Amino acid sequence: MSTSKALKSATLIAITAAATSILIQACGGGAVAQTASDADAIEGVWDSTITIKDCTTNAVMTSFKGAGMFHRGGTLSADNSMPPPSRGAAMGTWKRGASGNYAANMWFMRFNSDGTLAGTQKVQRTLAFGADNNSLTGTLTLQIINLAGAVVQQGCGSETAVRVY
């Protein structure tokens, strides 16, 4: 990787981290003291395995590790094991449904191999707790969106996760 590309990647990571911190603060992160009894069971850090499948044939296209944090108040942040230049940090929201399952939506920027912006991606997840309350299983749908705002690809998949903290 050239020095110029490495510098661009490092700058992009720093900007993404700063934007995530600003978003967390804007959503009340740390602004109000809350007790542990106010916590929702999904709050915390999760280690996930995500499997993306062909929605028609259910054939596995790729699988990767992810890390996610469900913040108090309904926001989330996530990252994965894909190379850093391919995407920015994911930010989103979560909500507990009447059935006890969770809906989690997130968004992130996608990048071309040369570091230029390729577009964005939206991911919608439905998650449910395992019997131990320290594991999750779920399904997801995704939309890859180009710079003009058009959906150029859709996908689906599954997720399993275990609580880290």
Protein backbone atom coordinates (compact mmCIF):
# COMPACT_ATOMS: atom_id res chain seq x y z
CA MET A 1 0.00 0.00 0.00
CA SER A 2 1.43 3.37 -0.92
CA THR A 3 2.03 6.04 1.70
CA SER A 4 -0.73 8.14 0.13
CA LYS A 5 -3.29 5.30 0.35
CA ALA A 6 -2.22 4.45 3.90
CA LEU A 7 -2.61 8.10 4.92
CA LYS A 8 -6.05 8.27 3.29
CA SER A 9 -7.12 5.09 5.11
CA ALA A 10 -5.83 6.36 8.46
CA THR A 11 -7.56 9.70 7.95
CA LEU A 12 -10.83 7.98 7.02
CA ILE A 13 -10.68 5.80 10.14
CA ALA A 14 -10.00 8.84 12.35
CA ILE A 15 -12.89 10.81 10.82
CA THR A 16 -15.25 7.83 11.19
CA ALA A 17 -14.27 7.40 14.86
CA ALA A 18 -14.83 11.11 15.53
CA ALA A 19 -18.22 11.05 13.80
CA THR A 20 -19.26 8.00 15.85
CA SER A 21 -18.29 9.77 19.09
CA ILE A 22 -20.26 12.85 18.09
CA LEU A 23 -23.31 10.72 17.23
CA ILE A 24 -23.15 8.92 20.58
CA GLN A 25 -22.92 12.22 22.45
CA ALA A 26 -25.72 13.76 20.37
CA CYS A 27 -27.95 10.82 21.27
CA GLY A 28 -27.34 11.38 24.98
CA GLY A 29 -24.39 9.04 25.48
CA GLY A 30 -23.22 9.64 29.01
CA ALA A 31 -25.49 12.67 29.48
CA VAL A 32 -27.86 11.10 32.00
CA ALA A 33 -26.91 8.74 34.79
CA GLN A 34 -29.04 5.60 34.69
CA THR A 35 -29.12 2.60 36.98
CA ALA A 36 -28.52 -1.00 36.00
CA SER A 37 -32.23 -1.69 36.53
CA ASP A 38 -32.97 0.70 33.63
CA ALA A 39 -30.85 -1.39 31.28
CA ASP A 40 -32.34 -3.43 28.46
CA ALA A 41 -31.02 -6.98 28.17
CA ILE A 42 -29.54 -6.36 24.69
CA GLU A 43 -27.31 -3.49 25.89
CA GLY A 44 -23.63 -4.32 25.73
CA VAL A 45 -20.94 -5.67 23.44
CA TRP A 46 -21.59 -8.67 21.18
CA ASP A 47 -19.28 -10.93 19.13
CA SER A 48 -21.12 -11.97 15.97
CA THR A 49 -20.74 -14.33 13.06
CA ILE A 50 -22.59 -13.04 10.00
CA THR A 51 -23.40 -15.21 7.00
CA ILE A 52 -24.53 -13.56 3.77
CA LYS A 53 -26.60 -15.79 1.48
CA ASP A 54 -28.12 -15.73 -1.98
CA CYS A 55 -31.74 -14.84 -1.17
CA THR A 56 -33.12 -17.14 -3.88
CA THR A 57 -31.03 -20.30 -3.41
CA ASN A 58 -29.95 -19.77 0.22
CA ALA A 59 -26.37 -20.59 -0.89
CA VAL A 60 -23.71 -19.08 1.37
CA MET A 61 -21.84 -16.25 -0.36
CA THR A 62 -19.56 -15.13 2.50
CA SER A 63 -19.19 -15.31 6.25
CA PHE A 64 -17.31 -12.97 8.58
CA LYS A 65 -16.90 -11.89 12.19
CA GLY A 66 -18.42 -8.71 13.56
CA ALA A 67 -18.47 -6.73 16.77
CA GLY A 68 -21.44 -4.67 17.84
CA MET A 69 -22.42 -2.48 20.74
CA PHE A 70 -26.03 -1.83 21.65
CA HIS A 71 -26.03 1.47 23.54
CA ARG A 72 -28.53 2.49 26.19
CA GLY A 73 -31.31 4.54 24.66
CA GLY A 74 -31.55 2.69 21.34
CA THR A 75 -28.41 3.46 19.33
CA LEU A 76 -25.82 0.99 18.10
CA SER A 77 -22.38 0.91 16.55
CA ALA A 78 -20.75 -2.00 14.77
CA ASP A 79 -17.64 -3.06 12.93
CA ASN A 80 -16.49 -6.23 11.19
CA SER A 81 -13.44 -8.19 10.14
CA MET A 82 -13.50 -6.96 6.52
CA PRO A 83 -10.50 -4.84 5.46
CA PRO A 84 -10.85 -1.25 6.83
CA PRO A 85 -10.68 0.45 3.39
CA SER A 86 -13.84 -1.38 2.20
CA ARG A 87 -16.28 0.32 4.60
CA GLY A 88 -16.67 2.81 7.39
CA ALA A 89 -18.04 2.21 10.87
CA ALA A 90 -21.70 1.23 11.06
CA MET A 91 -24.12 3.36 13.04
CA GLY A 92 -27.77 2.75 13.71
CA THR A 93 -30.67 2.22 16.05
CA TRP A 94 -32.33 -0.68 17.84
CA LYS A 95 -35.78 -1.22 19.30
CA ARG A 96 -37.39 -3.99 21.32
CA GLY A 97 -40.64 -5.24 19.79
CA ALA A 98 -43.81 -6.34 21.56
CA SER A 99 -42.84 -10.00 21.01
CA GLY A 100 -39.52 -9.52 22.82
CA ASN A 101 -37.51 -9.68 19.60
CA TYR A 102 -35.38 -6.75 18.49
CA ALA A 103 -35.22 -4.75 15.29
CA ALA A 104 -31.83 -3.19 14.57
CA ASN A 105 -31.12 -0.98 11.57
CA MET A 106 -27.69 0.30 10.62
CA TRP A 107 -25.98 2.22 7.86
CA PHE A 108 -22.39 2.65 6.72
CA MET A 109 -20.33 4.04 3.86
CA ARG A 110 -18.71 1.68 1.33
CA PHE A 111 -15.38 2.34 -0.38
CA ASN A 112 -13.70 1.21 -3.59
CA SER A 113 -10.31 -0.51 -3.38
CA ASP A 114 -8.64 2.83 -4.24
CA GLY A 115 -10.26 4.48 -1.19
CA THR A 116 -12.88 6.50 -3.08
CA LEU A 117 -16.49 6.50 -1.91
CA ALA A 118 -18.56 3.79 -3.65
CA GLY A 119 -21.88 4.45 -1.90
CA THR A 120 -23.63 3.24 1.23
CA GLN A 121 -25.21 0.12 2.64
CA LYS A 122 -28.31 -0.30 4.81
CA VAL A 123 -28.81 -3.39 6.96
CA GLN A 124 -32.03 -4.38 8.73
CA ARG A 125 -31.73 -7.07 11.40
CA THR A 126 -34.25 -9.01 13.48
CA LEU A 127 -32.70 -10.55 16.60
CA ALA A 128 -33.91 -12.88 19.35
CA PHE A 129 -32.29 -13.99 22.60
CA GLY A 130 -31.24 -17.56 23.25
CA ALA A 131 -32.45 -19.25 26.45
CA ASP A 132 -29.31 -18.09 28.30
CA ASN A 133 -29.85 -14.34 27.51
CA ASN A 134 -26.18 -14.24 26.50
CA SER A 135 -26.63 -15.31 22.90
CA LEU A 136 -28.57 -13.92 19.95
CA THR A 137 -29.74 -15.34 16.64
CA GLY A 138 -31.23 -13.39 13.81
CA THR A 139 -31.83 -12.68 10.19
CA LEU A 140 -30.84 -9.69 8.10
CA THR A 141 -31.56 -8.00 4.82
CA LEU A 142 -29.26 -5.53 3.13
CA GLN A 143 -29.29 -2.95 0.38
CA ILE A 144 -26.18 -1.70 -1.40
CA ILE A 145 -26.75 1.83 -2.67
CA ASN A 146 -24.63 3.63 -5.27
CA LEU A 147 -23.58 7.29 -5.20
CA ALA A 148 -26.69 8.28 -7.18
CA GLY A 149 -28.89 6.80 -4.43
CA ALA A 150 -30.06 3.77 -6.42
CA VAL A 151 -30.20 0.29 -4.87
CA VAL A 152 -27.78 -1.77 -6.96
CA GLN A 153 -27.82 -5.01 -4.95
CA GLN A 154 -29.89 -6.66 -2.25
CA GLY A 155 -29.00 -9.52 0.01
CA CYS A 156 -30.04 -11.51 3.04
CA GLY A 157 -28.36 -13.53 5.70
CA SER A 158 -28.22 -14.79 9.24
CA GLU A 159 -26.37 -13.89 12.40
CA THR A 160 -25.37 -15.58 15.64
CA ALA A 161 -23.83 -13.64 18.51
CA VAL A 162 -22.54 -14.11 22.03
CA ARG A 163 -22.27 -11.46 24.71
CA VAL A 164 -18.77 -10.15 25.40
CA TYR A 165 -19.77 -7.59 28.09
